[in-house]
Protein backbone atom coordinates (compact mmCIF):
# COMPACT_ATOMS: atom_id res chain seq x y z
CA MET A 1 2.32 -25.11 5.00
CA PRO A 2 4.65 -21.97 5.23
CA THR A 3 3.93 -21.40 1.50
CA ARG A 4 0.03 -21.52 2.08
CA THR A 5 0.53 -18.91 5.03
CA LEU A 6 2.72 -16.59 2.59
CA ALA A 7 0.10 -16.97 -0.06
CA LEU A 8 -2.62 -15.83 2.11
CA SER A 9 -0.55 -12.99 3.57
CA LEU A 10 0.31 -11.72 0.10
CA HIS A 11 -3.24 -12.03 -1.05
CA ALA A 12 -4.18 -10.11 1.99
CA ALA A 13 -1.77 -7.41 1.29
CA ARG A 14 -2.73 -7.29 -2.35
CA ARG A 15 -6.19 -6.86 -1.25
CA LEU A 16 -5.33 -3.97 0.97
CA THR A 17 -3.21 -2.34 -1.59
CA ARG A 18 -6.10 -2.52 -4.17
CA ARG A 19 -8.61 -1.20 -1.86
CA LEU A 20 -6.43 1.73 -0.66
CA TRP A 21 -5.84 2.45 -4.30
CA LEU A 22 -9.55 2.46 -5.12
CA HIS A 23 -10.16 4.82 -2.29
CA THR A 24 -7.26 7.13 -3.52
CA VAL A 25 -8.59 7.21 -6.90
CA ILE A 26 -12.23 7.81 -5.69
CA ALA A 27 -10.83 10.73 -3.73
CA LEU A 28 -9.02 12.14 -6.54
CA ARG A 29 -12.14 12.00 -8.80
CA HIS A 30 -14.09 13.91 -6.13
CA ALA A 31 -11.36 16.53 -5.97
CA ALA A 32 -11.24 17.04 -9.75
CA CYS A 33 -14.94 17.31 -9.99
CA TRP A 34 -15.03 19.95 -7.04
CA LEU A 35 -12.27 21.89 -9.04
CA LEU A 36 -14.32 21.78 -12.14
CA ILE A 37 -17.34 22.94 -10.16
CA HIS A 38 -15.64 25.69 -8.49
CA ASP A 39 -13.54 27.16 -11.31
CA ASP A 40 -11.97 30.27 -9.49
CA PRO A 41 -8.56 31.42 -10.21
CA ALA A 42 -8.19 32.30 -6.43
CA ALA A 43 -9.14 28.93 -5.51
CA GLU A 44 -5.91 27.48 -7.05
CA ARG A 45 -3.66 29.20 -4.56
CA GLY A 46 -3.06 26.11 -2.61
CA GLU A 47 -2.84 23.49 -5.69
CA GLY A 48 0.67 22.63 -5.05
CA VAL A 49 0.24 22.00 -1.17
CA ILE A 50 -2.89 19.69 -2.17
CA SER A 51 -1.28 17.92 -4.93
CA THR A 52 1.81 17.11 -2.56
CA ALA A 53 -0.38 16.00 0.17
CA ILE A 54 -2.24 13.50 -2.16
CA VAL A 55 1.18 12.17 -3.25
CA VAL A 56 2.26 11.78 0.28
CA VAL A 57 -1.04 9.92 1.20
CA ILE A 58 -0.51 7.65 -2.00
CA MET A 59 3.18 6.88 -0.96
CA ALA A 60 2.03 6.10 2.40
CA PHE A 61 -0.47 3.60 1.30
CA LEU A 62 1.88 2.02 -0.93
CA ALA A 63 4.43 1.95 1.76
CA VAL A 64 2.10 0.05 4.03
CA GLY A 65 1.10 -2.42 1.31
CA LEU A 66 4.83 -3.17 0.89
CA TRP A 67 5.54 -3.37 4.38
CA PHE A 68 2.89 -6.09 4.82
CA ALA A 69 4.26 -8.10 1.83
CA PHE A 70 7.99 -7.67 3.03
CA LYS A 71 6.72 -8.80 6.59
CA ALA A 72 5.17 -12.00 5.15
CA ILE A 73 8.00 -12.74 2.84
CA LEU A 74 10.57 -12.32 5.74
CA SER A 75 8.56 -14.53 8.04
CA ASN A 76 8.58 -17.35 5.50
CA ALA A 77 12.17 -16.99 4.87
CA THR A 78 13.00 -17.05 8.66
CA THR A 79 10.80 -20.31 9.03
CA THR A 80 12.45 -21.86 6.10
CA VAL A 81 16.03 -21.18 7.36
CA SER A 82 15.16 -22.22 10.84
CA ASN A 83 14.04 -25.63 9.61
CA GLN A 84 16.95 -26.10 7.48
CA VAL A 85 19.43 -25.36 10.33
CA ALA A 86 17.68 -27.73 12.57
CA GLN A 87 17.96 -30.36 9.93
CA LEU A 88 21.54 -29.77 9.71
CA GLY A 89 22.20 -29.86 13.44
CA SER A 90 20.50 -33.16 13.98
């Protein structure tokens, strides 16, 4: 039973990560199109700040996905260890 819960939790984490990645890619495409339309050298002044912000957002989304996966794995491991200790104690 815990394996099924772990599989469902990992599936949900993967689905969330894919959805966040898709939204990030769409946002990057919109930003690239905007830059192509507005090809003004003065508009590129804050390019490094914008790129850094995009990287920070991507890393935050990855961290959230990894946190959910870690939480699911740790929960399953805790349950398994508790069951094994209970069997050894009785």
